[in-house]
Amino acid sequence: MDYLERVKKVHGEGGYGSQGYKYDWKIEEAKKNILRTHTTAVSARMLYKLAQGKFKPVKYFSIDRVFRNETLDATHLAEFHQIEGVVADYDLTLGDLIGVLHQFFSKLGIKRLRFKPAYNPYTEPSMEVFSYHEGLKKWVEVGNSGVFRPEMLRPMGLPEDVSVIAWGLSLERPTMIKYGIDNIRDLIGHKVDLQMVYDNPLCRLDKETKQ
């Protein structure tokens, strides 16, 4: 319960450099079941578990389904899969996050990236990640990212010199870019071409050619 009390105090009064949200945080509200819009709750649970012992640098990854109040179109779904990555280490910076994102997306075969400042309630600084879609001839948002705020990490018990960088992306949009698919509804939902599924391999892993 000490952790919950620290979370409640940060939300209501602030702390660790934050002024808080100035509202009365209630456990009854936090326990309500909703369709989740992102998987950050999974990362928070793992980071809290990490903080309960002697800290050591870690990397966490998860893939799960999320839900959004979206109008369906060529690049938007109301239900899709989110991939989340988290790195916890000493003195990580925004530069580390940008470098990791370039490496991460390059492994998916996506080289052209742009970053735009964004707002997230749990990260600061935060960035949206865009990649160029040759078929649509435009930059498409493929993910969101940021450095977790101290007021999220310190109540867990993580040391003050530990930083956590994180990013989340849909599984479907990078797949569109990698395979040149122009409509995201061709990948998931009732409009999927089953013949395309039958004709293509389950997955494709690209290996770097060694000289």
N, C-alpha and C. Protein backbone atom coordinates (compact mmCIF):
# COMPACT_ATOMS: atom_id res chain seq x y z
N MET A 1 0.82 -1.21 0.00
CA MET A 1 0.00 0.00 0.00
C MET A 1 0.85 1.27 0.00
N ASP A 2 2.12 1.17 0.44
CA ASP A 2 2.98 2.36 0.44
C ASP A 2 3.14 2.90 -0.98
N TYR A 3 3.27 1.99 -1.94
CA TYR A 3 3.43 2.42 -3.33
C TYR A 3 2.18 3.15 -3.81
N LEU A 4 1.00 2.62 -3.50
CA LEU A 4 -0.24 3.27 -3.91
C LEU A 4 -0.37 4.66 -3.28
N GLU A 5 0.06 4.79 -2.05
CA GLU A 5 -0.01 6.09 -1.39
C GLU A 5 0.94 7.09 -2.07
N ARG A 6 2.11 6.62 -2.49
CA ARG A 6 3.05 7.50 -3.19
C ARG A 6 2.48 7.92 -4.55
N VAL A 7 1.85 6.98 -5.25
CA VAL A 7 1.21 7.30 -6.54
C VAL A 7 0.10 8.33 -6.34
N LYS A 8 -0.71 8.12 -5.32
CA LYS A 8 -1.81 9.04 -5.03
C LYS A 8 -1.28 10.45 -4.73
N LYS A 9 -0.20 10.52 -3.94
CA LYS A 9 0.36 11.82 -3.57
C LYS A 9 0.92 12.54 -4.79
N VAL A 10 1.61 11.81 -5.68
CA VAL A 10 2.16 12.43 -6.89
C VAL A 10 1.05 12.97 -7.78
N HIS A 11 -0.02 12.20 -7.95
CA HIS A 11 -1.14 12.66 -8.77
C HIS A 11 -1.79 13.90 -8.18
N GLY A 12 -1.98 13.91 -6.87
CA GLY A 12 -2.71 15.00 -6.26
C GLY A 12 -1.87 16.22 -5.93
N GLU A 13 -0.65 16.00 -5.44
CA GLU A 13 0.18 17.10 -4.95
C GLU A 13 1.44 17.33 -5.78
N GLY A 14 1.82 16.35 -6.59
CA GLY A 14 3.06 16.46 -7.35
C GLY A 14 4.23 15.89 -6.57
N GLY A 15 5.42 16.09 -7.12
CA GLY A 15 6.65 15.59 -6.51
C GLY A 15 7.64 15.19 -7.57
N TYR A 16 8.92 15.11 -7.17
CA TYR A 16 10.00 14.73 -8.09
C TYR A 16 10.07 15.69 -9.29
N GLY A 17 9.78 16.96 -9.05
CA GLY A 17 9.82 17.96 -10.11
C GLY A 17 8.51 18.20 -10.81
N SER A 18 7.48 17.45 -10.45
CA SER A 18 6.16 17.59 -11.08
C SER A 18 5.20 18.30 -10.14
N GLN A 19 4.27 19.07 -10.71
CA GLN A 19 3.24 19.72 -9.90
C GLN A 19 2.00 18.84 -9.75
N GLY A 20 2.01 17.66 -10.40
CA GLY A 20 0.88 16.74 -10.28
C GLY A 20 -0.30 17.17 -11.13
N TYR A 21 -1.38 16.40 -11.02
CA TYR A 21 -2.58 16.69 -11.80
C TYR A 21 -3.63 17.44 -10.98
N LYS A 22 -3.39 17.60 -9.68
CA LYS A 22 -4.27 18.37 -8.80
C LYS A 22 -5.68 17.77 -8.73
N TYR A 23 -5.75 16.44 -8.65
CA TYR A 23 -7.05 15.81 -8.44
C TYR A 23 -6.88 14.67 -7.44
N ASP A 24 -7.99 14.19 -6.92
CA ASP A 24 -7.97 13.17 -5.89
C ASP A 24 -7.95 11.78 -6.55
N TRP A 25 -6.78 11.15 -6.59
CA TRP A 25 -6.64 9.81 -7.18
C TRP A 25 -7.37 8.80 -6.32
N LYS A 26 -8.19 7.95 -6.94
CA LYS A 26 -8.98 6.97 -6.20
C LYS A 26 -8.68 5.57 -6.70
N ILE A 27 -8.44 4.64 -5.78
CA ILE A 27 -8.16 3.25 -6.13
C ILE A 27 -9.36 2.62 -6.83
N GLU A 28 -10.58 3.05 -6.44
CA GLU A 28 -11.79 2.48 -7.07
C GLU A 28 -11.84 2.80 -8.56
N GLU A 29 -11.40 3.99 -8.91
CA GLU A 29 -11.37 4.39 -10.32
C GLU A 29 -10.28 3.62 -11.07
N ALA A 30 -9.13 3.45 -10.42
CA ALA A 30 -8.00 2.76 -11.05
C ALA A 30 -8.31 1.29 -11.30
N LYS A 31 -9.19 0.69 -10.52
CA LYS A 31 -9.52 -0.73 -10.65
C LYS A 31 -10.57 -1.01 -11.71
N LYS A 32 -11.16 0.01 -12.29
CA LYS A 32 -12.20 -0.21 -13.30
C LYS A 32 -11.61 -0.87 -14.54
N ASN A 33 -12.36 -1.77 -15.12
CA ASN A 33 -11.94 -2.47 -16.33
C ASN A 33 -12.31 -1.64 -17.57
N ILE A 34 -11.33 -1.43 -18.44
CA ILE A 34 -11.57 -0.73 -19.70
C ILE A 34 -10.77 -1.44 -20.80
N LEU A 35 -11.16 -1.18 -22.05
CA LEU A 35 -10.35 -1.65 -23.16
C LEU A 35 -9.12 -0.77 -23.24
N ARG A 36 -7.93 -1.35 -23.10
CA ARG A 36 -6.72 -0.54 -23.02
C ARG A 36 -6.35 0.04 -24.39
N THR A 37 -5.85 1.28 -24.36
CA THR A 37 -5.44 1.96 -25.59
C THR A 37 -3.96 1.78 -25.89
N HIS A 38 -3.19 1.30 -24.92
CA HIS A 38 -1.77 1.04 -25.13
C HIS A 38 -1.32 0.03 -24.08
N THR A 39 -0.09 -0.45 -24.20
CA THR A 39 0.41 -1.49 -23.30
C THR A 39 1.37 -0.96 -22.24
N THR A 40 1.36 0.35 -22.00
CA THR A 40 2.27 0.93 -21.02
C THR A 40 2.03 0.37 -19.62
N ALA A 41 0.80 -0.07 -19.35
CA ALA A 41 0.51 -0.67 -18.04
C ALA A 41 1.36 -1.91 -17.81
N VAL A 42 1.65 -2.66 -18.87
CA VAL A 42 2.51 -3.85 -18.76
C VAL A 42 3.93 -3.42 -18.38
N SER A 43 4.43 -2.37 -19.05
CA SER A 43 5.77 -1.87 -18.74
C SER A 43 5.86 -1.38 -17.30
N ALA A 44 4.81 -0.69 -16.83
CA ALA A 44 4.81 -0.18 -15.47
C ALA A 44 4.89 -1.31 -14.45
N ARG A 45 4.17 -2.39 -14.69
CA ARG A 45 4.22 -3.52 -13.77
C ARG A 45 5.61 -4.14 -13.73
N MET A 46 6.23 -4.27 -14.91
CA MET A 46 7.57 -4.88 -14.97
C MET A 46 8.61 -3.98 -14.29
N LEU A 47 8.47 -2.66 -14.48
CA LEU A 47 9.43 -1.74 -13.86
C LEU A 47 9.28 -1.73 -12.34
N TYR A 48 8.04 -1.82 -11.86
CA TYR A 48 7.83 -1.88 -10.41
C TYR A 48 8.46 -3.15 -9.84
N LYS A 49 8.28 -4.26 -10.55
CA LYS A 49 8.89 -5.52 -10.11
C LYS A 49 10.41 -5.40 -10.09
N LEU A 50 10.97 -4.73 -11.11
CA LEU A 50 12.42 -4.53 -11.18
C LEU A 50 12.91 -3.72 -9.99
N ALA A 51 12.14 -2.73 -9.57
CA ALA A 51 12.56 -1.82 -8.50
C ALA A 51 12.57 -2.48 -7.13
N GLN A 52 11.95 -3.65 -7.00
CA GLN A 52 11.86 -4.29 -5.69
C GLN A 52 13.14 -5.01 -5.27
N GLY A 53 14.09 -5.16 -6.21
CA GLY A 53 15.36 -5.79 -5.88
C GLY A 53 16.52 -4.86 -6.21
N LYS A 54 17.73 -5.40 -6.19
CA LYS A 54 18.91 -4.61 -6.56
C LYS A 54 18.84 -4.32 -8.05
N PHE A 55 18.97 -3.05 -8.42
CA PHE A 55 18.77 -2.68 -9.83
C PHE A 55 19.88 -3.21 -10.72
N LYS A 56 19.48 -3.68 -11.89
CA LYS A 56 20.42 -4.03 -12.95
C LYS A 56 19.78 -3.62 -14.28
N PRO A 57 20.57 -3.13 -15.24
CA PRO A 57 20.01 -2.70 -16.52
C PRO A 57 19.25 -3.83 -17.21
N VAL A 58 18.11 -3.47 -17.81
CA VAL A 58 17.26 -4.48 -18.45
C VAL A 58 16.67 -3.92 -19.74
N LYS A 59 16.18 -4.84 -20.57
CA LYS A 59 15.39 -4.53 -21.76
C LYS A 59 14.15 -5.40 -21.72
N TYR A 60 12.99 -4.78 -21.89
CA TYR A 60 11.72 -5.51 -21.91
C TYR A 60 11.02 -5.27 -23.25
N PHE A 61 10.35 -6.30 -23.74
CA PHE A 61 9.57 -6.17 -24.97
C PHE A 61 8.24 -6.91 -24.79
N SER A 62 7.19 -6.36 -25.39
CA SER A 62 5.89 -7.01 -25.32
C SER A 62 5.13 -6.77 -26.62
N ILE A 63 4.23 -7.70 -26.94
CA ILE A 63 3.31 -7.56 -28.07
C ILE A 63 1.93 -7.96 -27.57
N ASP A 64 0.96 -7.07 -27.74
CA ASP A 64 -0.40 -7.40 -27.30
C ASP A 64 -1.42 -6.54 -28.04
N ARG A 65 -2.68 -6.87 -27.86
CA ARG A 65 -3.75 -6.20 -28.59
C ARG A 65 -4.23 -4.97 -27.83
N VAL A 66 -4.52 -3.89 -28.56
CA VAL A 66 -5.02 -2.65 -27.97
C VAL A 66 -6.23 -2.16 -28.78
N PHE A 67 -6.93 -1.18 -28.22
CA PHE A 67 -8.19 -0.72 -28.81
C PHE A 67 -8.23 0.80 -28.81
N ARG A 68 -8.72 1.37 -29.91
CA ARG A 68 -8.81 2.83 -30.04
C ARG A 68 -10.18 3.23 -30.60
N ASN A 69 -10.63 4.42 -30.23
CA ASN A 69 -11.86 4.99 -30.80
C ASN A 69 -11.50 5.69 -32.09
N GLU A 70 -11.29 4.93 -33.15
CA GLU A 70 -10.80 5.45 -34.43
C GLU A 70 -11.83 5.22 -35.54
N THR A 71 -11.84 6.12 -36.49
CA THR A 71 -12.58 5.90 -37.73
C THR A 71 -11.71 5.09 -38.67
N LEU A 72 -12.22 3.97 -39.15
CA LEU A 72 -11.42 3.09 -39.99
C LEU A 72 -11.13 3.73 -41.34
N ASP A 73 -9.85 3.69 -41.73
CA ASP A 73 -9.46 4.15 -43.06
C ASP A 73 -8.21 3.39 -43.46
N ALA A 74 -7.47 3.88 -44.44
CA ALA A 74 -6.34 3.13 -45.00
C ALA A 74 -5.20 2.95 -44.00
N THR A 75 -5.12 3.81 -42.98
CA THR A 75 -4.01 3.72 -42.02
C THR A 75 -4.47 3.60 -40.57
N HIS A 76 -5.78 3.48 -40.32
CA HIS A 76 -6.28 3.42 -38.95
C HIS A 76 -7.18 2.21 -38.73
N LEU A 77 -7.01 1.58 -37.56
CA LEU A 77 -7.86 0.50 -37.12
C LEU A 77 -8.37 0.80 -35.71
N ALA A 78 -9.52 0.24 -35.35
CA ALA A 78 -10.03 0.38 -34.00
C ALA A 78 -9.45 -0.67 -33.07
N GLU A 79 -8.87 -1.73 -33.65
CA GLU A 79 -8.28 -2.82 -32.88
C GLU A 79 -7.03 -3.30 -33.61
N PHE A 80 -5.90 -3.27 -32.92
CA PHE A 80 -4.66 -3.66 -33.57
C PHE A 80 -3.66 -4.16 -32.52
N HIS A 81 -2.46 -4.50 -32.96
CA HIS A 81 -1.44 -5.01 -32.05
C HIS A 81 -0.38 -3.94 -31.79
N GLN A 82 0.02 -3.83 -30.54
CA GLN A 82 1.07 -2.88 -30.18
C GLN A 82 2.32 -3.63 -29.72
N ILE A 83 3.45 -3.20 -30.28
CA ILE A 83 4.75 -3.68 -29.84
C ILE A 83 5.35 -2.61 -28.93
N GLU A 84 5.82 -3.01 -27.77
CA GLU A 84 6.41 -2.03 -26.85
C GLU A 84 7.81 -2.47 -26.44
N GLY A 85 8.72 -1.52 -26.42
CA GLY A 85 10.08 -1.77 -25.97
C GLY A 85 10.45 -0.82 -24.84
N VAL A 86 11.17 -1.32 -23.85
CA VAL A 86 11.59 -0.53 -22.69
C VAL A 86 13.04 -0.87 -22.37
N VAL A 87 13.85 0.17 -22.17
CA VAL A 87 15.24 -0.02 -21.75
C VAL A 87 15.46 0.80 -20.48
N ALA A 88 15.91 0.14 -19.42
CA ALA A 88 16.21 0.81 -18.16
C ALA A 88 17.71 0.69 -17.89
N ASP A 89 18.36 1.84 -17.69
CA ASP A 89 19.81 1.83 -17.45
C ASP A 89 20.18 3.15 -16.79
N TYR A 90 21.44 3.30 -16.46
CA TYR A 90 21.90 4.52 -15.82
C TYR A 90 22.09 5.64 -16.85
N ASP A 91 21.55 6.81 -16.54
CA ASP A 91 21.80 8.06 -17.28
C ASP A 91 21.48 7.97 -18.77
N LEU A 92 20.39 7.32 -19.15
CA LEU A 92 19.97 7.30 -20.54
C LEU A 92 19.41 8.66 -20.94
N THR A 93 19.56 9.02 -22.21
CA THR A 93 19.13 10.33 -22.70
C THR A 93 18.22 10.18 -23.91
N LEU A 94 17.72 11.32 -24.39
CA LEU A 94 16.92 11.33 -25.62
C LEU A 94 17.76 10.85 -26.80
N GLY A 95 19.05 11.18 -26.83
CA GLY A 95 19.93 10.72 -27.89
C GLY A 95 20.01 9.20 -27.93
N ASP A 96 20.05 8.56 -26.75
CA ASP A 96 20.04 7.10 -26.70
C ASP A 96 18.75 6.55 -27.30
N LEU A 97 17.64 7.18 -26.97
CA LEU A 97 16.35 6.73 -27.50
C LEU A 97 16.31 6.82 -29.03
N ILE A 98 16.78 7.94 -29.59
CA ILE A 98 16.78 8.11 -31.04
C ILE A 98 17.67 7.06 -31.70
N GLY A 99 18.82 6.80 -31.11
CA GLY A 99 19.72 5.77 -31.66
C GLY A 99 19.11 4.39 -31.63
N VAL A 100 18.45 4.05 -30.52
CA VAL A 100 17.79 2.75 -30.41
C VAL A 100 16.67 2.62 -31.44
N LEU A 101 15.90 3.68 -31.63
CA LEU A 101 14.80 3.64 -32.60
C LEU A 101 15.31 3.42 -34.02
N HIS A 102 16.41 4.10 -34.38
CA HIS A 102 16.98 3.89 -35.71
C HIS A 102 17.41 2.42 -35.89
N GLN A 103 18.05 1.86 -34.87
CA GLN A 103 18.47 0.47 -34.95
C GLN A 103 17.28 -0.48 -34.98
N PHE A 104 16.30 -0.20 -34.16
CA PHE A 104 15.11 -1.06 -34.07
C PHE A 104 14.38 -1.13 -35.41
N PHE A 105 14.11 0.04 -35.99
CA PHE A 105 13.35 0.06 -37.24
C PHE A 105 14.19 -0.43 -38.41
N SER A 106 15.50 -0.22 -38.36
CA SER A 106 16.35 -0.72 -39.45
C SER A 106 16.32 -2.24 -39.51
N LYS A 107 16.18 -2.88 -38.37
CA LYS A 107 16.08 -4.34 -38.34
C LYS A 107 14.77 -4.81 -38.99
N LEU A 108 13.77 -3.92 -39.03
CA LEU A 108 12.51 -4.24 -39.71
C LEU A 108 12.55 -3.88 -41.18
N GLY A 109 13.69 -3.35 -41.64
CA GLY A 109 13.81 -2.94 -43.04
C GLY A 109 13.30 -1.53 -43.30
N ILE A 110 13.10 -0.75 -42.24
CA ILE A 110 12.59 0.62 -42.36
C ILE A 110 13.73 1.59 -42.04
N LYS A 111 14.18 2.33 -43.05
CA LYS A 111 15.35 3.19 -42.90
C LYS A 111 14.99 4.68 -42.74
N ARG A 112 13.91 5.12 -43.39
CA ARG A 112 13.58 6.55 -43.41
C ARG A 112 12.67 6.89 -42.23
N LEU A 113 13.22 7.60 -41.27
CA LEU A 113 12.48 7.97 -40.07
C LEU A 113 12.51 9.48 -39.86
N ARG A 114 11.44 9.98 -39.27
CA ARG A 114 11.37 11.36 -38.80
C ARG A 114 10.78 11.34 -37.39
N PHE A 115 11.17 12.36 -36.60
CA PHE A 115 10.68 12.45 -35.23
C PHE A 115 10.02 13.82 -35.03
N LYS A 116 8.90 13.81 -34.28
CA LYS A 116 8.20 15.06 -34.00
C LYS A 116 7.90 15.14 -32.50
N PRO A 117 8.17 16.28 -31.86
CA PRO A 117 7.85 16.40 -30.43
C PRO A 117 6.37 16.11 -30.17
N ALA A 118 6.09 15.48 -29.06
CA ALA A 118 4.72 15.10 -28.72
C ALA A 118 4.52 15.23 -27.22
N TYR A 119 3.28 15.06 -26.79
CA TYR A 119 2.96 15.05 -25.35
C TYR A 119 2.42 13.68 -24.96
N ASN A 120 3.00 13.10 -23.93
CA ASN A 120 2.45 11.92 -23.26
C ASN A 120 2.43 12.21 -21.77
N PRO A 121 1.41 11.77 -21.06
CA PRO A 121 1.34 12.06 -19.62
C PRO A 121 2.39 11.34 -18.80
N TYR A 122 3.06 10.32 -19.36
CA TYR A 122 4.00 9.52 -18.58
C TYR A 122 5.43 9.61 -19.09
N THR A 123 5.69 10.35 -20.18
CA THR A 123 7.06 10.53 -20.67
C THR A 123 7.34 12.01 -20.95
N GLU A 124 8.60 12.40 -20.77
CA GLU A 124 9.05 13.76 -21.09
C GLU A 124 10.58 13.75 -21.17
N PRO A 125 11.16 14.06 -22.33
CA PRO A 125 10.51 14.43 -23.58
C PRO A 125 9.84 13.24 -24.26
N SER A 126 8.96 13.56 -25.22
CA SER A 126 8.23 12.54 -25.97
C SER A 126 8.34 12.84 -27.45
N MET A 127 8.27 11.79 -28.27
CA MET A 127 8.38 11.96 -29.72
C MET A 127 7.44 10.99 -30.44
N GLU A 128 6.78 11.50 -31.49
CA GLU A 128 6.11 10.62 -32.43
C GLU A 128 7.12 10.21 -33.50
N VAL A 129 6.99 8.99 -34.01
CA VAL A 129 7.92 8.45 -34.99
C VAL A 129 7.18 8.25 -36.31
N PHE A 130 7.75 8.79 -37.40
CA PHE A 130 7.14 8.69 -38.72
C PHE A 130 8.08 7.99 -39.68
N SER A 131 7.50 7.25 -40.64
CA SER A 131 8.27 6.64 -41.71
C SER A 131 7.56 6.91 -43.03
N TYR A 132 8.33 6.96 -44.11
CA TYR A 132 7.76 7.29 -45.42
C TYR A 132 7.20 6.04 -46.09
N HIS A 133 5.94 6.13 -46.53
CA HIS A 133 5.28 5.03 -47.23
C HIS A 133 5.31 5.33 -48.72
N GLU A 134 6.05 4.54 -49.47
CA GLU A 134 6.23 4.78 -50.90
C GLU A 134 4.91 4.67 -51.67
N GLY A 135 4.05 3.74 -51.27
CA GLY A 135 2.78 3.56 -51.98
C GLY A 135 1.82 4.71 -51.75
N LEU A 136 1.72 5.16 -50.50
CA LEU A 136 0.82 6.27 -50.18
C LEU A 136 1.44 7.63 -50.47
N LYS A 137 2.76 7.64 -50.70
CA LYS A 137 3.49 8.88 -50.99
C LYS A 137 3.35 9.91 -49.87
N LYS A 138 3.46 9.44 -48.65
CA LYS A 138 3.40 10.37 -47.52
C LYS A 138 4.05 9.74 -46.29
N TRP A 139 4.36 10.61 -45.31
CA TRP A 139 4.92 10.15 -44.05
C TRP A 139 3.78 9.64 -43.16
N VAL A 140 3.95 8.45 -42.60
CA VAL A 140 2.93 7.80 -41.79
C VAL A 140 3.48 7.60 -40.38
N GLU A 141 2.68 7.95 -39.37
CA GLU A 141 3.12 7.72 -38.00
C GLU A 141 3.18 6.22 -37.74
N VAL A 142 4.32 5.75 -37.24
CA VAL A 142 4.49 4.33 -36.97
C VAL A 142 4.70 4.05 -35.48
N GLY A 143 4.86 5.09 -34.67
CA GLY A 143 5.05 4.82 -33.25
C GLY A 143 5.14 6.07 -32.41
N ASN A 144 5.22 5.85 -31.11
CA ASN A 144 5.38 6.93 -30.15
C ASN A 144 6.48 6.53 -29.17
N SER A 145 7.11 7.50 -28.55
CA SER A 145 8.27 7.17 -27.71
C SER A 145 8.52 8.27 -26.70
N GLY A 146 9.42 7.98 -25.77
CA GLY A 146 9.78 9.01 -24.80
C GLY A 146 10.64 8.47 -23.67
N VAL A 147 10.99 9.37 -22.77
CA VAL A 147 11.75 9.03 -21.56
C VAL A 147 10.78 9.11 -20.39
N PHE A 148 10.63 8.02 -19.66
CA PHE A 148 9.66 7.99 -18.56
C PHE A 148 9.97 9.08 -17.55
N ARG A 149 8.92 9.74 -17.08
CA ARG A 149 9.05 10.84 -16.13
C ARG A 149 9.52 10.35 -14.76
N PRO A 150 10.30 11.17 -14.05
CA PRO A 150 10.74 10.78 -12.70
C PRO A 150 9.57 10.49 -11.77
N GLU A 151 8.47 11.25 -11.89
CA GLU A 151 7.34 11.04 -10.97
C GLU A 151 6.63 9.72 -11.21
N MET A 152 6.95 9.05 -12.32
CA MET A 152 6.45 7.69 -12.54
C MET A 152 7.41 6.66 -11.97
N LEU A 153 8.72 6.91 -12.10
CA LEU A 153 9.73 5.92 -11.72
C LEU A 153 10.08 5.96 -10.23
N ARG A 154 10.23 7.16 -9.67
CA ARG A 154 10.73 7.25 -8.29
C ARG A 154 9.76 6.65 -7.26
N PRO A 155 8.44 6.83 -7.39
CA PRO A 155 7.55 6.17 -6.42
C PRO A 155 7.67 4.65 -6.44
N MET A 156 8.12 4.08 -7.57
CA MET A 156 8.33 2.64 -7.64
C MET A 156 9.53 2.20 -6.79
N GLY A 157 10.48 3.12 -6.61
CA GLY A 157 11.69 2.80 -5.87
C GLY A 157 12.93 2.69 -6.72
N LEU A 158 12.87 3.05 -8.00
CA LEU A 158 14.05 3.02 -8.86
C LEU A 158 15.02 4.13 -8.46
N PRO A 159 16.34 3.88 -8.53
CA PRO A 159 17.33 4.89 -8.13
C PRO A 159 17.23 6.16 -8.97
N GLU A 160 17.69 7.28 -8.40
CA GLU A 160 17.56 8.57 -9.06
C GLU A 160 18.39 8.67 -10.33
N ASP A 161 19.48 7.92 -10.43
CA ASP A 161 20.32 8.01 -11.62
C ASP A 161 19.93 6.99 -12.70
N VAL A 162 18.79 6.33 -12.51
CA VAL A 162 18.29 5.38 -13.50
C VAL A 162 17.25 6.07 -14.39
N SER A 163 17.43 5.95 -15.70
CA SER A 163 16.48 6.47 -16.67
C SER A 163 15.87 5.31 -17.44
N VAL A 164 14.67 5.54 -17.96
CA VAL A 164 13.98 4.51 -18.74
C VAL A 164 13.48 5.12 -20.04
N ILE A 165 13.95 4.58 -21.16
CA ILE A 165 13.44 5.01 -22.47
C ILE A 165 12.48 3.95 -22.97
N ALA A 166 11.46 4.38 -23.71
CA ALA A 166 10.43 3.44 -24.15
C ALA A 166 9.84 3.88 -25.47
N TRP A 167 9.33 2.93 -26.20
CA TRP A 167 8.66 3.22 -27.46
C TRP A 167 7.58 2.18 -27.71
N GLY A 168 6.54 2.60 -28.42
CA GLY A 168 5.46 1.70 -28.79
C GLY A 168 5.09 1.93 -30.24
N LEU A 169 4.78 0.87 -30.94
CA LEU A 169 4.39 0.98 -32.34
C LEU A 169 3.37 -0.10 -32.65
N SER A 170 2.55 0.16 -33.65
CA SER A 170 1.63 -0.88 -34.08
C SER A 170 2.41 -1.91 -34.90
N LEU A 171 1.94 -3.12 -34.89
CA LEU A 171 2.54 -4.16 -35.73
C LEU A 171 2.14 -3.97 -37.19
N GLU A 172 0.95 -3.41 -37.39
CA GLU A 172 0.39 -3.37 -38.74
C GLU A 172 0.98 -2.28 -39.62
N ARG A 173 1.21 -1.08 -39.10
CA ARG A 173 1.72 0.00 -39.96
C ARG A 173 3.13 -0.25 -40.49
N PRO A 174 4.09 -0.67 -39.64
CA PRO A 174 5.40 -1.02 -40.21
C PRO A 174 5.31 -2.16 -41.23
N THR A 175 4.37 -3.08 -41.01
CA THR A 175 4.19 -4.16 -41.98
C THR A 175 3.73 -3.62 -43.32
N MET A 176 2.85 -2.61 -43.28
CA MET A 176 2.41 -1.95 -44.52
C MET A 176 3.60 -1.39 -45.29
N ILE A 177 4.48 -0.68 -44.57
CA ILE A 177 5.62 -0.03 -45.21
C ILE A 177 6.61 -1.06 -45.74
N LYS A 178 6.89 -2.08 -44.93
CA LYS A 178 7.88 -3.10 -45.32
C LYS A 178 7.44 -3.86 -46.57
N TYR A 179 6.14 -4.20 -46.66
CA TYR A 179 5.66 -5.03 -47.75
C TYR A 179 4.90 -4.26 -48.83
N GLY A 180 4.87 -2.91 -48.72
CA GLY A 180 4.23 -2.10 -49.75
C GLY A 180 2.73 -2.25 -49.82
N ILE A 181 2.08 -2.44 -48.68
CA ILE A 181 0.62 -2.58 -48.62
C ILE A 181 0.00 -1.20 -48.40
N ASP A 182 -0.97 -0.83 -49.22
CA ASP A 182 -1.53 0.52 -49.18
C ASP A 182 -2.73 0.67 -48.25
N ASN A 183 -3.34 -0.43 -47.83
CA ASN A 183 -4.53 -0.35 -46.98
C ASN A 183 -4.36 -1.28 -45.79
N ILE A 184 -4.38 -0.71 -44.59
CA ILE A 184 -4.13 -1.48 -43.38
C ILE A 184 -5.20 -2.55 -43.17
N ARG A 185 -6.40 -2.34 -43.75
CA ARG A 185 -7.48 -3.32 -43.59
C ARG A 185 -7.24 -4.60 -44.38
N ASP A 186 -6.20 -4.58 -45.23
CA ASP A 186 -5.81 -5.81 -45.92
C ASP A 186 -5.02 -6.75 -45.01
N LEU A 187 -4.65 -6.27 -43.81
CA LEU A 187 -3.83 -7.06 -42.90
C LEU A 187 -4.61 -7.68 -41.76
N ILE A 188 -5.72 -7.06 -41.36
CA ILE A 188 -6.47 -7.55 -40.21
C ILE A 188 -7.94 -7.17 -40.39
N GLY A 189 -8.83 -8.07 -40.01
CA GLY A 189 -10.26 -7.80 -40.14
C GLY A 189 -10.92 -8.64 -41.22
N HIS A 190 -12.17 -8.34 -41.48
CA HIS A 190 -12.97 -9.18 -42.38
C HIS A 190 -12.61 -8.99 -43.86
N LYS A 191 -11.80 -7.96 -44.19
CA LYS A 191 -11.44 -7.73 -45.58
C LYS A 191 -10.11 -8.37 -45.98
N VAL A 192 -9.53 -9.14 -45.08
CA VAL A 192 -8.25 -9.79 -45.38
C VAL A 192 -8.42 -10.78 -46.54
N ASP A 193 -7.51 -10.70 -47.49
CA ASP A 193 -7.49 -11.64 -48.61
C ASP A 193 -6.87 -12.95 -48.14
N LEU A 194 -7.69 -13.97 -47.95
CA LEU A 194 -7.20 -15.24 -47.42
C LEU A 194 -6.22 -15.91 -48.38
N GLN A 195 -6.36 -15.63 -49.68
CA GLN A 195 -5.41 -16.20 -50.63
C GLN A 195 -4.02 -15.62 -50.41
N MET A 196 -3.96 -14.32 -50.07
CA MET A 196 -2.68 -13.69 -49.77
C MET A 196 -2.04 -14.36 -48.55
N VAL A 197 -2.85 -14.65 -47.54
CA VAL A 197 -2.33 -15.33 -46.35
C VAL A 197 -1.81 -16.71 -46.71
N TYR A 198 -2.53 -17.40 -47.56
CA TYR A 198 -2.14 -18.75 -47.95
C TYR A 198 -0.84 -18.76 -48.77
N ASP A 199 -0.70 -17.75 -49.64
CA ASP A 199 0.44 -17.72 -50.57
C ASP A 199 1.73 -17.22 -49.93
N ASN A 200 1.64 -16.51 -48.80
CA ASN A 200 2.83 -15.90 -48.20
C ASN A 200 3.27 -16.67 -46.95
N PRO A 201 4.56 -16.61 -46.64
CA PRO A 201 5.06 -17.30 -45.45
C PRO A 201 4.51 -16.65 -44.18
N LEU A 202 4.54 -17.40 -43.10
CA LEU A 202 4.05 -16.91 -41.82
C LEU A 202 4.81 -15.66 -41.38
N CYS A 203 6.12 -15.66 -41.56
CA CYS A 203 6.94 -14.51 -41.22
C CYS A 203 8.20 -14.54 -42.06
N ARG A 204 8.89 -13.40 -42.13
CA ARG A 204 10.13 -13.33 -42.87
C ARG A 204 11.17 -12.62 -42.03
N LEU A 205 12.27 -13.29 -41.78
CA LEU A 205 13.35 -12.70 -41.03
C LEU A 205 14.51 -12.40 -41.98
N ASP A 206 14.86 -11.13 -42.09
CA ASP A 206 15.96 -10.73 -42.97
C ASP A 206 17.28 -10.83 -42.22
N LYS A 207 18.24 -11.53 -42.78
CA LYS A 207 19.55 -11.67 -42.15
C LYS A 207 20.56 -10.79 -42.90
N GLU A 208 21.40 -10.13 -42.12
CA GLU A 208 22.44 -9.30 -42.71
C GLU A 208 23.50 -10.20 -43.38
N THR A 209 23.92 -9.81 -44.57
CA THR A 209 24.93 -10.58 -45.29
C THR A 209 26.30 -10.28 -44.71
N LYS A 210 27.00 -11.31 -44.31
CA LYS A 210 28.34 -11.14 -43.75
C LYS A 210 29.37 -11.14 -44.88
N GLN A 211 30.27 -10.20 -44.81
CA GLN A 211 31.32 -10.10 -45.84
C GLN A 211 32.45 -11.09 -45.52
